[in-house]
Amino acid sequence: MFPLPTELSPLPLTRLLPGDVLVLHTDGVEDARDATGAFFPLAGALAEAARGAPPALATLVARVQAALLRHTGGPVTDDFALLALRNDRGPGSPAASRPPRALVAGP
C-alpha cells in the first residue's frame, strides 16, 4: 500500500511469556479524539477491557473498539486497527499460574 523505508529499526521487546498478551495498534487508535479534543486513553481502555477473568482476545479487541467509539461519539475520522496476540502455551508452562502481562506496541 505504501513503500517501506529501506532501513527498519528493530523495536526492543521482551520475550512473550506464556499467558502474555501483545496488543498492536495503529496511530488512529491513540489519535482518536472526543468532542473536546481529548485523546483516547488507550492504556485505561485496555486495563478496563482486561479486568476480571482474562477475556478471549476477540472480546478484548471488541471491548477496546467499543470504548474507542464511545470516546469519539461515533465513527472515527481516521482508520484504526487493533491486533491482540497471546502466547497460549500449555498449562504446564512455568508462567501459567501468574497473571498475564499486557505489552503494547504502537507507532
N, C-alpha and C. Protein backbone atom coordinates (compact mmCIF):
# COMPACT_ATOMS: atom_id res chain seq x y z
N MET A 1 0.81 -1.19 0.00
CA MET A 1 0.00 0.00 0.00
C MET A 1 0.85 1.26 0.00
N PHE A 2 2.03 1.17 0.61
CA PHE A 2 2.94 2.30 0.63
C PHE A 2 4.36 1.75 0.73
N PRO A 3 5.34 2.48 0.24
CA PRO A 3 6.72 1.97 0.29
C PRO A 3 7.26 2.02 1.72
N LEU A 4 7.93 0.96 2.14
CA LEU A 4 8.58 0.93 3.44
C LEU A 4 9.96 1.53 3.33
N PRO A 5 10.46 2.12 4.42
CA PRO A 5 11.84 2.63 4.39
C PRO A 5 12.81 1.48 4.13
N THR A 6 13.96 1.79 3.56
CA THR A 6 14.95 0.75 3.29
C THR A 6 15.54 0.20 4.58
N GLU A 7 15.62 1.00 5.60
CA GLU A 7 16.15 0.58 6.90
C GLU A 7 15.03 0.62 7.93
N LEU A 8 14.71 -0.51 8.51
CA LEU A 8 13.72 -0.57 9.59
C LEU A 8 14.44 -0.87 10.89
N SER A 9 14.28 -0.03 11.87
CA SER A 9 14.93 -0.25 13.16
C SER A 9 14.12 -1.25 13.96
N PRO A 10 14.78 -2.24 14.55
CA PRO A 10 14.05 -3.21 15.38
C PRO A 10 13.59 -2.55 16.68
N LEU A 11 12.44 -2.97 17.15
CA LEU A 11 11.93 -2.49 18.42
C LEU A 11 12.32 -3.47 19.51
N PRO A 12 12.90 -2.98 20.61
CA PRO A 12 13.25 -3.91 21.68
C PRO A 12 11.99 -4.31 22.46
N LEU A 13 11.67 -5.57 22.42
CA LEU A 13 10.53 -6.10 23.18
C LEU A 13 11.03 -7.26 24.03
N THR A 14 10.41 -7.41 25.17
CA THR A 14 10.77 -8.55 25.99
C THR A 14 10.16 -9.80 25.39
N ARG A 15 10.58 -10.93 25.87
CA ARG A 15 10.06 -12.20 25.39
C ARG A 15 8.59 -12.33 25.77
N LEU A 16 7.78 -12.81 24.86
CA LEU A 16 6.36 -13.02 25.12
C LEU A 16 6.22 -14.35 25.86
N LEU A 17 6.02 -14.26 27.15
CA LEU A 17 5.95 -15.46 28.00
C LEU A 17 4.57 -16.08 27.93
N PRO A 18 4.45 -17.35 28.34
CA PRO A 18 3.12 -17.99 28.33
C PRO A 18 2.10 -17.17 29.09
N GLY A 19 0.97 -16.94 28.46
CA GLY A 19 -0.10 -16.14 29.06
C GLY A 19 -0.03 -14.66 28.76
N ASP A 20 1.13 -14.17 28.30
CA ASP A 20 1.27 -12.74 27.98
C ASP A 20 0.48 -12.39 26.73
N VAL A 21 0.03 -11.14 26.68
CA VAL A 21 -0.73 -10.64 25.53
C VAL A 21 0.03 -9.45 24.95
N LEU A 22 0.19 -9.45 23.65
CA LEU A 22 0.79 -8.34 22.93
C LEU A 22 -0.31 -7.67 22.13
N VAL A 23 -0.50 -6.36 22.34
CA VAL A 23 -1.52 -5.60 21.62
C VAL A 23 -0.81 -4.64 20.67
N LEU A 24 -1.11 -4.79 19.39
CA LEU A 24 -0.57 -3.90 18.36
C LEU A 24 -1.68 -2.99 17.88
N HIS A 25 -1.35 -1.76 17.58
CA HIS A 25 -2.37 -0.82 17.12
C HIS A 25 -1.77 0.22 16.19
N THR A 26 -2.62 0.81 15.40
CA THR A 26 -2.19 1.90 14.53
C THR A 26 -2.35 3.22 15.26
N ASP A 27 -1.80 4.27 14.67
CA ASP A 27 -1.88 5.58 15.31
C ASP A 27 -3.30 6.12 15.37
N GLY A 28 -4.19 5.59 14.54
CA GLY A 28 -5.58 6.04 14.58
C GLY A 28 -6.26 5.75 15.91
N VAL A 29 -5.76 4.75 16.64
CA VAL A 29 -6.32 4.43 17.95
C VAL A 29 -5.91 5.50 18.96
N GLU A 30 -4.63 5.77 19.04
CA GLU A 30 -4.15 6.77 20.01
C GLU A 30 -4.53 8.19 19.63
N ASP A 31 -4.70 8.46 18.35
CA ASP A 31 -5.02 9.81 17.90
C ASP A 31 -6.50 10.13 17.91
N ALA A 32 -7.35 9.14 18.18
CA ALA A 32 -8.80 9.38 18.21
C ALA A 32 -9.13 10.37 19.33
N ARG A 33 -9.99 11.33 19.01
CA ARG A 33 -10.33 12.39 19.98
C ARG A 33 -11.82 12.44 20.22
N ASP A 34 -12.18 12.94 21.39
CA ASP A 34 -13.60 13.16 21.68
C ASP A 34 -13.98 14.58 21.25
N ALA A 35 -15.20 14.98 21.55
CA ALA A 35 -15.70 16.30 21.11
C ALA A 35 -14.91 17.45 21.71
N THR A 36 -14.25 17.24 22.86
CA THR A 36 -13.46 18.30 23.49
C THR A 36 -12.02 18.31 23.01
N GLY A 37 -11.64 17.32 22.18
CA GLY A 37 -10.28 17.24 21.68
C GLY A 37 -9.37 16.34 22.50
N ALA A 38 -9.91 15.68 23.53
CA ALA A 38 -9.10 14.79 24.37
C ALA A 38 -8.80 13.50 23.61
N PHE A 39 -7.54 13.05 23.69
CA PHE A 39 -7.14 11.81 23.04
C PHE A 39 -7.75 10.60 23.74
N PHE A 40 -7.90 9.52 22.99
CA PHE A 40 -8.43 8.27 23.52
C PHE A 40 -7.44 7.69 24.53
N PRO A 41 -7.89 7.36 25.75
CA PRO A 41 -7.00 6.80 26.77
C PRO A 41 -6.81 5.29 26.56
N LEU A 42 -5.93 4.91 25.64
CA LEU A 42 -5.77 3.52 25.27
C LEU A 42 -5.37 2.64 26.46
N ALA A 43 -4.39 3.06 27.25
CA ALA A 43 -3.94 2.24 28.37
C ALA A 43 -5.09 1.95 29.33
N GLY A 44 -5.88 2.96 29.64
CA GLY A 44 -7.03 2.76 30.53
C GLY A 44 -8.08 1.86 29.92
N ALA A 45 -8.31 2.00 28.62
CA ALA A 45 -9.30 1.16 27.94
C ALA A 45 -8.84 -0.29 27.93
N LEU A 46 -7.55 -0.53 27.73
CA LEU A 46 -7.02 -1.89 27.77
C LEU A 46 -7.15 -2.49 29.16
N ALA A 47 -6.83 -1.71 30.17
CA ALA A 47 -6.94 -2.20 31.55
C ALA A 47 -8.39 -2.55 31.87
N GLU A 48 -9.31 -1.70 31.47
CA GLU A 48 -10.74 -1.96 31.72
C GLU A 48 -11.21 -3.18 30.94
N ALA A 49 -10.78 -3.31 29.70
CA ALA A 49 -11.21 -4.43 28.86
C ALA A 49 -10.71 -5.76 29.39
N ALA A 50 -9.56 -5.75 30.07
CA ALA A 50 -8.96 -6.98 30.57
C ALA A 50 -9.30 -7.26 32.03
N ARG A 51 -10.10 -6.40 32.65
CA ARG A 51 -10.43 -6.54 34.07
C ARG A 51 -11.18 -7.85 34.31
N GLY A 52 -10.91 -8.46 35.44
CA GLY A 52 -11.58 -9.71 35.78
C GLY A 52 -10.86 -10.89 35.15
N ALA A 53 -11.61 -11.92 34.86
CA ALA A 53 -11.03 -13.11 34.21
C ALA A 53 -10.52 -12.72 32.83
N PRO A 54 -9.36 -13.26 32.44
CA PRO A 54 -8.83 -12.90 31.11
C PRO A 54 -9.84 -13.24 30.01
N PRO A 55 -10.25 -12.23 29.23
CA PRO A 55 -11.22 -12.48 28.16
C PRO A 55 -10.56 -13.11 26.94
N ALA A 56 -11.37 -13.66 26.07
CA ALA A 56 -10.87 -14.11 24.77
C ALA A 56 -10.30 -12.89 24.06
N LEU A 57 -9.32 -13.09 23.21
CA LEU A 57 -8.68 -11.96 22.53
C LEU A 57 -9.67 -11.18 21.68
N ALA A 58 -10.58 -11.87 21.02
CA ALA A 58 -11.58 -11.17 20.21
C ALA A 58 -12.46 -10.29 21.10
N THR A 59 -12.75 -10.74 22.30
CA THR A 59 -13.54 -9.95 23.25
C THR A 59 -12.76 -8.73 23.71
N LEU A 60 -11.47 -8.92 24.00
CA LEU A 60 -10.62 -7.81 24.40
C LEU A 60 -10.60 -6.72 23.32
N VAL A 61 -10.38 -7.12 22.08
CA VAL A 61 -10.35 -6.16 20.96
C VAL A 61 -11.71 -5.49 20.80
N ALA A 62 -12.79 -6.26 20.90
CA ALA A 62 -14.15 -5.69 20.76
C ALA A 62 -14.44 -4.68 21.85
N ARG A 63 -13.99 -4.96 23.08
CA ARG A 63 -14.21 -4.02 24.19
C ARG A 63 -13.45 -2.72 23.98
N VAL A 64 -12.21 -2.83 23.51
CA VAL A 64 -11.42 -1.61 23.26
C VAL A 64 -12.04 -0.83 22.10
N GLN A 65 -12.48 -1.53 21.06
CA GLN A 65 -13.13 -0.85 19.93
C GLN A 65 -14.40 -0.14 20.40
N ALA A 66 -15.20 -0.79 21.23
CA ALA A 66 -16.43 -0.16 21.74
C ALA A 66 -16.09 1.08 22.58
N ALA A 67 -15.03 0.99 23.39
CA ALA A 67 -14.62 2.15 24.19
C ALA A 67 -14.14 3.29 23.30
N LEU A 68 -13.45 2.95 22.22
CA LEU A 68 -12.98 3.96 21.27
C LEU A 68 -14.17 4.67 20.63
N LEU A 69 -15.16 3.91 20.20
CA LEU A 69 -16.34 4.51 19.56
C LEU A 69 -17.16 5.34 20.55
N ARG A 70 -17.22 4.88 21.81
CA ARG A 70 -17.90 5.70 22.83
C ARG A 70 -17.14 7.01 23.04
N HIS A 71 -15.82 6.92 23.07
CA HIS A 71 -14.99 8.10 23.29
C HIS A 71 -15.18 9.13 22.18
N THR A 72 -15.21 8.67 20.94
CA THR A 72 -15.33 9.59 19.81
C THR A 72 -16.77 10.02 19.55
N GLY A 73 -17.71 9.31 20.16
CA GLY A 73 -19.12 9.65 19.95
C GLY A 73 -19.66 9.13 18.63
N GLY A 74 -18.99 8.20 18.03
CA GLY A 74 -19.45 7.63 16.76
C GLY A 74 -18.30 7.29 15.86
N PRO A 75 -18.52 7.33 14.57
CA PRO A 75 -17.46 6.96 13.63
C PRO A 75 -16.20 7.81 13.82
N VAL A 76 -15.06 7.19 13.63
CA VAL A 76 -13.79 7.90 13.78
C VAL A 76 -13.41 8.53 12.44
N THR A 77 -12.57 9.55 12.50
CA THR A 77 -12.17 10.25 11.29
C THR A 77 -10.92 9.66 10.66
N ASP A 78 -10.25 8.78 11.38
CA ASP A 78 -9.03 8.15 10.88
C ASP A 78 -9.22 6.64 10.93
N ASP A 79 -8.50 5.92 10.09
CA ASP A 79 -8.58 4.46 10.18
C ASP A 79 -7.90 4.01 11.46
N PHE A 80 -8.30 2.85 11.95
CA PHE A 80 -7.64 2.29 13.12
C PHE A 80 -7.66 0.77 13.03
N ALA A 81 -6.65 0.19 13.65
CA ALA A 81 -6.56 -1.26 13.69
C ALA A 81 -6.03 -1.68 15.06
N LEU A 82 -6.57 -2.76 15.56
CA LEU A 82 -6.13 -3.38 16.81
C LEU A 82 -5.88 -4.85 16.54
N LEU A 83 -4.80 -5.38 17.08
CA LEU A 83 -4.49 -6.79 16.96
C LEU A 83 -3.95 -7.25 18.30
N ALA A 84 -4.52 -8.32 18.83
CA ALA A 84 -4.04 -8.87 20.10
C ALA A 84 -3.52 -10.28 19.86
N LEU A 85 -2.34 -10.56 20.38
CA LEU A 85 -1.71 -11.87 20.26
C LEU A 85 -1.39 -12.37 21.67
N ARG A 86 -1.60 -13.65 21.91
CA ARG A 86 -1.31 -14.22 23.22
C ARG A 86 -0.46 -15.48 23.05
N ASN A 87 0.50 -15.66 23.93
CA ASN A 87 1.27 -16.89 23.97
C ASN A 87 0.44 -17.90 24.74
N ASP A 88 -0.15 -18.85 24.03
CA ASP A 88 -1.04 -19.83 24.63
C ASP A 88 -0.37 -21.17 24.88
N ARG A 89 0.83 -21.15 25.41
CA ARG A 89 1.48 -22.41 25.74
C ARG A 89 0.65 -23.14 26.79
N GLY A 90 0.83 -24.43 26.88
CA GLY A 90 0.01 -25.27 27.75
C GLY A 90 0.09 -24.93 29.23
N PRO A 91 -0.85 -25.53 30.01
CA PRO A 91 -0.94 -25.22 31.45
C PRO A 91 0.28 -25.67 32.24
N GLY A 92 1.12 -26.52 31.70
CA GLY A 92 2.31 -26.96 32.41
C GLY A 92 3.47 -25.99 32.30
N SER A 93 3.27 -24.89 31.59
CA SER A 93 4.36 -23.94 31.40
C SER A 93 4.64 -23.19 32.70
N PRO A 94 5.88 -22.72 32.91
CA PRO A 94 6.25 -22.08 34.17
C PRO A 94 5.44 -20.84 34.52
N ALA A 95 4.97 -20.09 33.54
CA ALA A 95 4.27 -18.83 33.82
C ALA A 95 2.76 -18.98 33.78
N ALA A 96 2.25 -20.19 33.66
CA ALA A 96 0.81 -20.38 33.51
C ALA A 96 0.02 -19.94 34.73
N SER A 97 0.63 -19.96 35.90
CA SER A 97 -0.10 -19.62 37.12
C SER A 97 -0.07 -18.13 37.44
N ARG A 98 0.77 -17.36 36.75
CA ARG A 98 0.82 -15.92 37.06
C ARG A 98 -0.13 -15.16 36.15
N PRO A 99 -0.60 -13.98 36.60
CA PRO A 99 -1.49 -13.18 35.74
C PRO A 99 -0.76 -12.73 34.49
N PRO A 100 -1.47 -12.60 33.36
CA PRO A 100 -0.81 -12.17 32.13
C PRO A 100 -0.38 -10.71 32.20
N ARG A 101 0.71 -10.40 31.52
CA ARG A 101 1.15 -9.02 31.36
C ARG A 101 0.63 -8.56 30.01
N ALA A 102 0.34 -7.31 29.90
CA ALA A 102 -0.07 -6.75 28.60
C ALA A 102 1.06 -5.89 28.08
N LEU A 103 1.57 -6.23 26.92
CA LEU A 103 2.59 -5.46 26.25
C LEU A 103 1.92 -4.71 25.12
N VAL A 104 2.16 -3.44 25.01
CA VAL A 104 1.51 -2.64 23.97
C VAL A 104 2.58 -2.08 23.06
N ALA A 105 2.41 -2.28 21.78
CA ALA A 105 3.33 -1.72 20.79
C ALA A 105 2.51 -0.87 19.84
N GLY A 106 2.93 0.32 19.64
CA GLY A 106 2.23 1.22 18.73
C GLY A 106 3.22 1.98 17.88
N PRO A 107 2.70 2.91 17.13
CA PRO A 107 3.58 3.66 16.21
C PRO A 107 4.60 4.49 16.95
